[in-house]
Amino acid sequence: TCFVGDRTGEAMLSTLIDRAQALDIPYRENVMITR
């Protein structure tokens, strides 16, 4: 099990978001899908 202290998920998601932003992937927040 590879790790970043005890905040592995947080560090990993931050990395993925940085990569997504570098690729200009659009994101829309505070949206709830019901159907």
PDB file of all heavy atoms in Angstrom:
ATOM      1  N   THR A   1       0.829  -1.199   0.000  1.00  0.00           N
ATOM      2  CA  THR A   1       0.000   0.000   0.000  1.00  0.00           C
ATOM      3  C   THR A   1       0.866   1.253   0.000  1.00  0.00           C
ATOM      4  O   THR A   1       1.550   1.564   0.979  1.00  0.00           O
ATOM      5  CB  THR A   1      -0.935  -0.002   1.222  1.00  0.00           C
ATOM      6  OG1 THR A   1      -1.681  -1.224   1.226  1.00  0.00           O
ATOM      7  CG2 THR A   1      -1.893   1.160   1.168  1.00  0.00           C
ATOM      8  N   CYS A   2       0.839   1.970  -1.121  1.00  0.00           N
ATOM      9  CA  CYS A   2       1.554   3.243  -1.249  1.00  0.00           C
ATOM     10  C   CYS A   2       0.736   4.318  -0.526  1.00  0.00           C
ATOM     11  O   CYS A   2      -0.490   4.246  -0.479  1.00  0.00           O
ATOM     12  CB  CYS A   2       1.722   3.613  -2.718  1.00  0.00           C
ATOM     13  SG  CYS A   2       2.366   2.276  -3.756  1.00  0.00           S
ATOM     14  N   PHE A   3       1.405   5.340  -0.027  1.00  0.00           N
ATOM     15  CA  PHE A   3       0.677   6.287   0.811  1.00  0.00           C
ATOM     16  C   PHE A   3       1.329   7.657   0.817  1.00  0.00           C
ATOM     17  O   PHE A   3       2.521   7.818   0.508  1.00  0.00           O
ATOM     18  CB  PHE A   3       0.558   5.763   2.237  1.00  0.00           C
ATOM     19  CG  PHE A   3       1.884   5.492   2.925  1.00  0.00           C
ATOM     20  CD1 PHE A   3       2.479   6.438   3.745  1.00  0.00           C
ATOM     21  CD2 PHE A   3       2.541   4.279   2.732  1.00  0.00           C
ATOM     22  CE1 PHE A   3       3.700   6.187   4.370  1.00  0.00           C
ATOM     23  CE2 PHE A   3       3.756   4.015   3.353  1.00  0.00           C
ATOM     24  CZ  PHE A   3       4.342   4.968   4.172  1.00  0.00           C
ATOM     25  N   VAL A   4       0.503   8.644   1.172  1.00  0.00           N
ATOM     26  CA  VAL A   4       0.976   9.996   1.473  1.00  0.00           C
ATOM     27  C   VAL A   4       0.515  10.270   2.902  1.00  0.00           C
ATOM     28  O   VAL A   4      -0.578  10.777   3.130  1.00  0.00           O
ATOM     29  CB  VAL A   4       0.376  11.034   0.499  1.00  0.00           C
ATOM     30  CG1 VAL A   4       0.938  12.429   0.800  1.00  0.00           C
ATOM     31  CG2 VAL A   4       0.641  10.651  -0.955  1.00  0.00           C
ATOM     32  N   GLY A   5       1.338   9.873   3.867  1.00  0.00           N
ATOM     33  CA  GLY A   5       0.927   9.961   5.268  1.00  0.00           C
ATOM     34  C   GLY A   5      -0.400   9.254   5.451  1.00  0.00           C
ATOM     35  O   GLY A   5      -0.573   8.106   5.066  1.00  0.00           O
ATOM     36  N   ASP A   6      -1.380   9.970   6.012  1.00  0.00           N
ATOM     37  CA  ASP A   6      -2.741   9.434   6.100  1.00  0.00           C
ATOM     38  C   ASP A   6      -3.718  10.376   5.400  1.00  0.00           C
ATOM     39  O   ASP A   6      -4.845  10.592   5.832  1.00  0.00           O
ATOM     40  CB  ASP A   6      -3.156   9.197   7.554  1.00  0.00           C
ATOM     41  CG  ASP A   6      -3.081  10.450   8.410  1.00  0.00           C
ATOM     42  OD1 ASP A   6      -2.645  11.506   7.899  1.00  0.00           O
ATOM     43  OD2 ASP A   6      -3.467  10.393   9.593  1.00  0.00           O
ATOM     44  N   ARG A   7      -3.253  10.930   4.272  1.00  0.00           N
ATOM     45  CA  ARG A   7      -4.117  11.778   3.439  1.00  0.00           C
ATOM     46  C   ARG A   7      -3.936  11.421   1.963  1.00  0.00           C
ATOM     47  O   ARG A   7      -3.905  12.280   1.091  1.00  0.00           O
ATOM     48  CB  ARG A   7      -3.814  13.264   3.684  1.00  0.00           C
ATOM     49  CG  ARG A   7      -2.384  13.660   3.392  1.00  0.00           C
ATOM     50  CD  ARG A   7      -2.127  15.156   3.612  1.00  0.00           C
ATOM     51  NE  ARG A   7      -0.848  15.560   3.041  1.00  0.00           N
ATOM     52  CZ  ARG A   7      -0.675  15.967   1.796  1.00  0.00           C
ATOM     53  NH1 ARG A   7      -1.710  16.027   0.974  1.00  0.00           N
ATOM     54  NH2 ARG A   7       0.502  16.317   1.353  1.00  0.00           N
ATOM     55  N   THR A   8      -3.853  10.132   1.694  1.00  0.00           N
ATOM     56  CA  THR A   8      -3.533   9.667   0.348  1.00  0.00           C
ATOM     57  C   THR A   8      -4.590  10.084  -0.671  1.00  0.00           C
ATOM     58  O   THR A   8      -4.271  10.571  -1.761  1.00  0.00           O
ATOM     59  CB  THR A   8      -3.381   8.141   0.339  1.00  0.00           C
ATOM     60  OG1 THR A   8      -2.483   7.763   1.386  1.00  0.00           O
ATOM     61  CG2 THR A   8      -2.835   7.650  -0.987  1.00  0.00           C
ATOM     62  N   GLY A   9      -5.866   9.888  -0.349  1.00  0.00           N
ATOM     63  CA  GLY A   9      -6.919  10.246  -1.288  1.00  0.00           C
ATOM     64  C   GLY A   9      -6.924  11.719  -1.621  1.00  0.00           C
ATOM     65  O   GLY A   9      -7.111  12.111  -2.791  1.00  0.00           O
ATOM     66  N   GLU A  10      -6.727  12.553  -0.621  1.00  0.00           N
ATOM     67  CA  GLU A  10      -6.684  13.998  -0.835  1.00  0.00           C
ATOM     68  C   GLU A  10      -5.549  14.375  -1.783  1.00  0.00           C
ATOM     69  O   GLU A  10      -5.735  15.154  -2.729  1.00  0.00           O
ATOM     70  CB  GLU A  10      -6.511  14.701   0.508  1.00  0.00           C
ATOM     71  CG  GLU A  10      -6.371  16.209   0.425  1.00  0.00           C
ATOM     72  CD  GLU A  10      -6.069  16.830   1.773  1.00  0.00           C
ATOM     73  OE1 GLU A  10      -6.180  16.125   2.797  1.00  0.00           O
ATOM     74  OE2 GLU A  10      -5.702  18.018   1.802  1.00  0.00           O
ATOM     75  N   ALA A  11      -4.356  13.811  -1.542  1.00  0.00           N
ATOM     76  CA  ALA A  11      -3.202  14.121  -2.393  1.00  0.00           C
ATOM     77  C   ALA A  11      -3.413  13.614  -3.814  1.00  0.00           C
ATOM     78  O   ALA A  11      -3.067  14.283  -4.796  1.00  0.00           O
ATOM     79  CB  ALA A  11      -1.943  13.500  -1.787  1.00  0.00           C
ATOM     80  N   MET A  12      -3.987  12.431  -3.935  1.00  0.00           N
ATOM     81  CA  MET A  12      -4.226  11.834  -5.243  1.00  0.00           C
ATOM     82  C   MET A  12      -5.249  12.640  -6.037  1.00  0.00           C
ATOM     83  O   MET A  12      -5.065  12.918  -7.235  1.00  0.00           O
ATOM     84  CB  MET A  12      -4.704  10.402  -5.042  1.00  0.00           C
ATOM     85  CG  MET A  12      -5.052   9.648  -6.287  1.00  0.00           C
ATOM     86  SD  MET A  12      -5.463   7.947  -5.820  1.00  0.00           S
ATOM     87  CE  MET A  12      -6.538   7.509  -7.175  1.00  0.00           C
ATOM     88  N   LEU A  13      -6.356  13.034  -5.405  1.00  0.00           N
ATOM     89  CA  LEU A  13      -7.372  13.811  -6.110  1.00  0.00           C
ATOM     90  C   LEU A  13      -6.829  15.167  -6.534  1.00  0.00           C
ATOM     91  O   LEU A  13      -7.119  15.652  -7.639  1.00  0.00           O
ATOM     92  CB  LEU A  13      -8.606  13.987  -5.232  1.00  0.00           C
ATOM     93  CG  LEU A  13      -9.773  14.718  -5.901  1.00  0.00           C
ATOM     94  CD1 LEU A  13     -10.249  13.972  -7.143  1.00  0.00           C
ATOM     95  CD2 LEU A  13     -10.929  14.913  -4.922  1.00  0.00           C
ATOM     96  N   SER A  14      -6.033  15.785  -5.679  1.00  0.00           N
ATOM     97  CA  SER A  14      -5.421  17.062  -6.043  1.00  0.00           C
ATOM     98  C   SER A  14      -4.571  16.916  -7.301  1.00  0.00           C
ATOM     99  O   SER A  14      -4.598  17.773  -8.197  1.00  0.00           O
ATOM    100  CB  SER A  14      -4.570  17.578  -4.877  1.00  0.00           C
ATOM    101  OG  SER A  14      -3.914  18.775  -5.225  1.00  0.00           O
ATOM    102  N   THR A  15      -3.826  15.815  -7.382  1.00  0.00           N
ATOM    103  CA  THR A  15      -3.002  15.553  -8.567  1.00  0.00           C
ATOM    104  C   THR A  15      -3.868  15.391  -9.806  1.00  0.00           C
ATOM    105  O   THR A  15      -3.561  15.951 -10.881  1.00  0.00           O
ATOM    106  CB  THR A  15      -2.166  14.279  -8.347  1.00  0.00           C
ATOM    107  OG1 THR A  15      -1.287  14.482  -7.251  1.00  0.00           O
ATOM    108  CG2 THR A  15      -1.361  13.930  -9.590  1.00  0.00           C
ATOM    109  N   LEU A  16      -4.943  14.634  -9.699  1.00  0.00           N
ATOM    110  CA  LEU A  16      -5.819  14.399 -10.847  1.00  0.00           C
ATOM    111  C   LEU A  16      -6.506  15.687 -11.286  1.00  0.00           C
ATOM    112  O   LEU A  16      -6.670  15.941 -12.495  1.00  0.00           O
ATOM    113  CB  LEU A  16      -6.846  13.328 -10.508  1.00  0.00           C
ATOM    114  CG  LEU A  16      -6.291  11.911 -10.310  1.00  0.00           C
ATOM    115  CD1 LEU A  16      -7.369  10.985  -9.758  1.00  0.00           C
ATOM    116  CD2 LEU A  16      -5.722  11.354 -11.618  1.00  0.00           C
ATOM    117  N   ILE A  17      -6.917  16.503 -10.349  1.00  0.00           N
ATOM    118  CA  ILE A  17      -7.549  17.773 -10.703  1.00  0.00           C
ATOM    119  C   ILE A  17      -6.559  18.685 -11.410  1.00  0.00           C
ATOM    120  O   ILE A  17      -6.888  19.347 -12.410  1.00  0.00           O
ATOM    121  CB  ILE A  17      -8.133  18.450  -9.450  1.00  0.00           C
ATOM    122  CG1 ILE A  17      -9.369  17.678  -8.978  1.00  0.00           C
ATOM    123  CG2 ILE A  17      -8.492  19.904  -9.728  1.00  0.00           C
ATOM    124  CD1 ILE A  17      -9.942  18.178  -7.677  1.00  0.00           C
ATOM    125  N   ASP A  18      -5.327  18.732 -10.911  1.00  0.00           N
ATOM    126  CA  ASP A  18      -4.303  19.537 -11.583  1.00  0.00           C
ATOM    127  C   ASP A  18      -4.107  19.062 -13.024  1.00  0.00           C
ATOM    128  O   ASP A  18      -3.973  19.876 -13.946  1.00  0.00           O
ATOM    129  CB  ASP A  18      -2.979  19.450 -10.825  1.00  0.00           C
ATOM    130  CG  ASP A  18      -2.997  20.222  -9.519  1.00  0.00           C
ATOM    131  OD1 ASP A  18      -3.929  21.028  -9.317  1.00  0.00           O
ATOM    132  OD2 ASP A  18      -2.083  20.004  -8.695  1.00  0.00           O
ATOM    133  N   ARG A  19      -4.088  17.745 -13.217  1.00  0.00           N
ATOM    134  CA  ARG A  19      -3.925  17.205 -14.562  1.00  0.00           C
ATOM    135  C   ARG A  19      -5.126  17.552 -15.440  1.00  0.00           C
ATOM    136  O   ARG A  19      -4.968  17.937 -16.605  1.00  0.00           O
ATOM    137  CB  ARG A  19      -3.749  15.688 -14.481  1.00  0.00           C
ATOM    138  CG  ARG A  19      -3.623  14.981 -15.827  1.00  0.00           C
ATOM    139  CD  ARG A  19      -2.397  15.428 -16.585  1.00  0.00           C
ATOM    140  NE  ARG A  19      -2.266  14.718 -17.852  1.00  0.00           N
ATOM    141  CZ  ARG A  19      -1.463  15.094 -18.833  1.00  0.00           C
ATOM    142  NH1 ARG A  19      -0.695  16.181 -18.684  1.00  0.00           N
ATOM    143  NH2 ARG A  19      -1.391  14.408 -19.952  1.00  0.00           N
ATOM    144  N   ALA A  20      -6.333  17.446 -14.887  1.00  0.00           N
ATOM    145  CA  ALA A  20      -7.539  17.783 -15.643  1.00  0.00           C
ATOM    146  C   ALA A  20      -7.557  19.257 -16.026  1.00  0.00           C
ATOM    147  O   ALA A  20      -7.927  19.619 -17.162  1.00  0.00           O
ATOM    148  CB  ALA A  20      -8.783  17.431 -14.828  1.00  0.00           C
ATOM    149  N   GLN A  21      -7.134  20.113 -15.118  1.00  0.00           N
ATOM    150  CA  GLN A  21      -7.100  21.546 -15.427  1.00  0.00           C
ATOM    151  C   GLN A  21      -6.056  21.864 -16.482  1.00  0.00           C
ATOM    152  O   GLN A  21      -6.263  22.733 -17.339  1.00  0.00           O
ATOM    153  CB  GLN A  21      -6.847  22.339 -14.145  1.00  0.00           C
ATOM    154  CG  GLN A  21      -8.036  22.308 -13.188  1.00  0.00           C
ATOM    155  CD  GLN A  21      -7.765  23.022 -11.889  1.00  0.00           C
ATOM    156  OE1 GLN A  21      -6.625  23.138 -11.438  1.00  0.00           O
ATOM    157  NE2 GLN A  21      -8.823  23.500 -11.245  1.00  0.00           N
ATOM    158  N   ALA A  22      -4.937  21.135 -16.450  1.00  0.00           N
ATOM    159  CA  ALA A  22      -3.913  21.342 -17.484  1.00  0.00           C
ATOM    160  C   ALA A  22      -4.436  20.956 -18.860  1.00  0.00           C
ATOM    161  O   ALA A  22      -3.985  21.495 -19.881  1.00  0.00           O
ATOM    162  CB  ALA A  22      -2.667  20.527 -17.143  1.00  0.00           C
ATOM    163  N   LEU A  23      -5.406  20.042 -18.899  1.00  0.00           N
ATOM    164  CA  LEU A  23      -6.013  19.617 -20.162  1.00  0.00           C
ATOM    165  C   LEU A  23      -7.261  20.430 -20.499  1.00  0.00           C
ATOM    166  O   LEU A  23      -7.952  20.128 -21.481  1.00  0.00           O
ATOM    167  CB  LEU A  23      -6.378  18.135 -20.085  1.00  0.00           C
ATOM    168  CG  LEU A  23      -5.209  17.154 -19.995  1.00  0.00           C
ATOM    169  CD1 LEU A  23      -5.702  15.759 -19.603  1.00  0.00           C
ATOM    170  CD2 LEU A  23      -4.454  17.104 -21.315  1.00  0.00           C
ATOM    171  N   ASP A  24      -7.564  21.450 -19.693  1.00  0.00           N
ATOM    172  CA  ASP A  24      -8.722  22.332 -19.911  1.00  0.00           C
ATOM    173  C   ASP A  24     -10.046  21.567 -19.933  1.00  0.00           C
ATOM    174  O   ASP A  24     -10.951  21.869 -20.725  1.00  0.00           O
ATOM    175  CB  ASP A  24      -8.563  23.138 -21.209  1.00  0.00           C
ATOM    176  CG  ASP A  24      -7.396  24.107 -21.157  1.00  0.00           C
ATOM    177  OD1 ASP A  24      -7.173  24.699 -20.084  1.00  0.00           O
ATOM    178  OD2 ASP A  24      -6.702  24.268 -22.178  1.00  0.00           O
ATOM    179  N   ILE A  25     -10.169  20.581 -19.058  1.00  0.00           N
ATOM    180  CA  ILE A  25     -11.423  19.840 -18.962  1.00  0.00           C
ATOM    181  C   ILE A  25     -12.435  20.691 -18.201  1.00  0.00           C
ATOM    182  O   ILE A  25     -12.179  21.095 -17.068  1.00  0.00           O
ATOM    183  CB  ILE A  25     -11.207  18.494 -18.241  1.00  0.00           C
ATOM    184  CG1 ILE A  25     -10.283  17.594 -19.066  1.00  0.00           C
ATOM    185  CG2 ILE A  25     -12.538  17.792 -17.992  1.00  0.00           C
ATOM    186  CD1 ILE A  25      -9.875  16.320 -18.369  1.00  0.00           C
ATOM    187  N   PRO A  26     -13.590  20.984 -18.794  1.00  0.00           N
ATOM    188  CA  PRO A  26     -14.581  21.817 -18.091  1.00  0.00           C
ATOM    189  C   PRO A  26     -15.218  21.073 -16.929  1.00  0.00           C
ATOM    190  O   PRO A  26     -15.391  19.852 -16.968  1.00  0.00           O
ATOM    191  CB  PRO A  26     -15.608  22.137 -19.186  1.00  0.00           C
ATOM    192  CG  PRO A  26     -15.460  21.046 -20.192  1.00  0.00           C
ATOM    193  CD  PRO A  26     -14.021  20.630 -20.154  1.00  0.00           C
ATOM    194  N   TYR A  27     -15.580  21.828 -15.918  1.00  0.00           N
ATOM    195  CA  TYR A  27     -16.168  21.259 -14.704  1.00  0.00           C
ATOM    196  C   TYR A  27     -17.299  22.155 -14.248  1.00  0.00           C
ATOM    197  O   TYR A  27     -17.200  23.386 -14.289  1.00  0.00           O
ATOM    198  CB  TYR A  27     -15.113  21.166 -13.602  1.00  0.00           C
ATOM    199  CG  TYR A  27     -15.665  20.683 -12.278  1.00  0.00           C
ATOM    200  CD1 TYR A  27     -15.799  19.328 -12.025  1.00  0.00           C
ATOM    201  CD2 TYR A  27     -16.072  21.577 -11.297  1.00  0.00           C
ATOM    202  CE1 TYR A  27     -16.320  18.870 -10.827  1.00  0.00           C
ATOM    203  CE2 TYR A  27     -16.589  21.136 -10.091  1.00  0.00           C
ATOM    204  CZ  TYR A  27     -16.714  19.782  -9.864  1.00  0.00           C
ATOM    205  OH  TYR A  27     -17.239  19.332  -8.679  1.00  0.00           O
ATOM    206  N   ARG A  28     -18.365  21.540 -13.827  1.00  0.00           N
ATOM    207  CA  ARG A  28     -19.491  22.306 -13.296  1.00  0.00           C
ATOM    208  C   ARG A  28     -19.825  21.762 -11.917  1.00  0.00           C
ATOM    209  O   ARG A  28     -20.085  20.571 -11.748  1.00  0.00           O
ATOM    210  CB  ARG A  28     -20.696  22.195 -14.222  1.00  0.00           C
ATOM    211  CG  ARG A  28     -21.850  23.066 -13.795  1.00  0.00           C
ATOM    212  CD  ARG A  28     -22.765  23.390 -14.952  1.00  0.00           C
ATOM    213  NE  ARG A  28     -23.826  24.281 -14.519  1.00  0.00           N
ATOM    214  CZ  ARG A  28     -24.654  24.917 -15.341  1.00  0.00           C
ATOM    215  NH1 ARG A  28     -24.524  24.755 -16.653  1.00  0.00           N
ATOM    216  NH2 ARG A  28     -25.597  25.713 -14.875  1.00  0.00           N
ATOM    217  N   GLU A  29     -19.816  22.632 -10.907  1.00  0.00           N
ATOM    218  CA  GLU A  29     -20.024  22.205  -9.537  1.00  0.00           C
ATOM    219  C   GLU A  29     -21.443  22.497  -9.076  1.00  0.00           C
ATOM    220  O   GLU A  29     -22.199  23.228  -9.729  1.00  0.00           O
ATOM    221  CB  GLU A  29     -19.014  22.877  -8.604  1.00  0.00           C
ATOM    222  CG  GLU A  29     -19.053  24.378  -8.618  1.00  0.00           C
ATOM    223  CD  GLU A  29     -17.886  25.000  -7.860  1.00  0.00           C
ATOM    224  OE1 GLU A  29     -16.950  24.265  -7.498  1.00  0.00           O
ATOM    225  OE2 GLU A  29     -17.920  26.217  -7.634  1.00  0.00           O
ATOM    226  N   ASN A  30     -21.808  21.907  -7.938  1.00  0.00           N
ATOM    227  CA  ASN A  30     -23.118  22.116  -7.310  1.00  0.00           C
ATOM    228  C   ASN A  30     -24.269  21.764  -8.248  1.00  0.00           C
ATOM    229  O   ASN A  30     -25.257  22.492  -8.365  1.00  0.00           O
ATOM    230  CB  ASN A  30     -23.254  23.561  -6.819  1.00  0.00           C
ATOM    231  CG  ASN A  30     -22.201  23.914  -5.795  1.00  0.00           C
ATOM    232  OD1 ASN A  30     -21.980  23.166  -4.842  1.00  0.00           O
ATOM    233  ND2 ASN A  30     -21.523  25.037  -5.989  1.00  0.00           N
ATOM    234  N   VAL A  31     -24.147  20.607  -8.894  1.00  0.00           N
ATOM    235  CA  VAL A  31     -25.185  20.102  -9.792  1.00  0.00           C
ATOM    236  C   VAL A  31     -25.651  18.746  -9.280  1.00  0.00           C
ATOM    237  O   VAL A  31     -24.834  17.877  -8.967  1.00  0.00           O
ATOM    238  CB  VAL A  31     -24.664  19.958 -11.238  1.00  0.00           C
ATOM    239  CG1 VAL A  31     -25.680  19.215 -12.104  1.00  0.00           C
ATOM    240  CG2 VAL A  31     -24.354  21.332 -11.831  1.00  0.00           C
ATOM    241  N   MET A  32     -26.950  18.556  -9.202  1.00  0.00           N
ATOM    242  CA  MET A  32     -27.508  17.270  -8.774  1.00  0.00           C
ATOM    243  C   MET A  32     -28.326  16.687  -9.919  1.00  0.00           C
ATOM    244  O   MET A  32     -29.234  17.341 -10.446  1.00  0.00           O
ATOM    245  CB  MET A  32     -28.378  17.436  -7.538  1.00  0.00           C
ATOM    246  CG  MET A  32     -28.724  16.121  -6.859  1.00  0.00           C
ATOM    247  SD  MET A  32     -29.428  16.423  -5.215  1.00  0.00           S
ATOM    248  CE  MET A  32     -29.403  14.770  -4.517  1.00  0.00           C
ATOM    249  N   ILE A  33     -27.988  15.471 -10.313  1.00  0.00           N
ATOM    250  CA  ILE A  33     -28.716  14.767 -11.363  1.00  0.00           C
ATOM    251  C   ILE A  33     -29.811  13.921 -10.712  1.00  0.00           C
ATOM    252  O   ILE A  33     -29.555  13.164  -9.771  1.00  0.00           O
ATOM    253  CB  ILE A  33     -27.776  13.872 -12.189  1.00  0.00           C
ATOM    254  CG1 ILE A  33     -26.740  14.730 -12.912  1.00  0.00           C
ATOM    255  CG2 ILE A  33     -28.570  13.037 -13.192  1.00  0.00           C
ATOM    256  CD1 ILE A  33     -27.319  15.749 -13.889  1.00  0.00           C
ATOM    257  N   THR A  34     -31.031  14.044 -11.218  1.00  0.00           N
ATOM    258  CA  THR A  34     -32.154  13.301 -10.650  1.00  0.00           C
ATOM    259  C   THR A  34     -32.696  12.240 -11.598  1.00  0.00           C
ATOM    260  O   THR A  34     -33.456  11.368 -11.165  1.00  0.00           O
ATOM    261  CB  THR A  34     -33.305  14.254 -10.280  1.00  0.00           C
ATOM    262  OG1 THR A  34     -33.751  14.935 -11.462  1.00  0.00           O
ATOM    263  CG2 THR A  34     -32.831  15.284  -9.259  1.00  0.00           C
ATOM    264  N   ARG A  35     -32.318  12.298 -12.876  1.00  0.00           N
ATOM    265  CA  ARG A  35     -32.833  11.322 -13.835  1.00  0.00           C
ATOM    266  C   ARG A  35     -31.920  11.250 -15.045  1.00  0.00           C
ATOM    267  O   ARG A  35     -31.442  12.276 -15.534  1.00  0.00           O
ATOM    268  CB  ARG A  35     -34.235  11.713 -14.300  1.00  0.00           C
ATOM    269  CG  ARG A  35     -34.861  10.762 -15.321  1.00  0.00           C
ATOM    270  CD  ARG A  35     -36.213  11.281 -15.794  1.00  0.00           C
ATOM    271  NE  ARG A  35     -36.787  10.431 -16.825  1.00  0.00           N
ATOM    272  CZ  ARG A  35     -37.629   9.422 -16.599  1.00  0.00           C
ATOM    273  NH1 ARG A  35     -37.975   9.126 -15.365  1.00  0.00           N
ATOM    274  NH2 ARG A  35     -38.126   8.711 -17.590  1.00  0.00           N
TER     275      ARG A  35
END
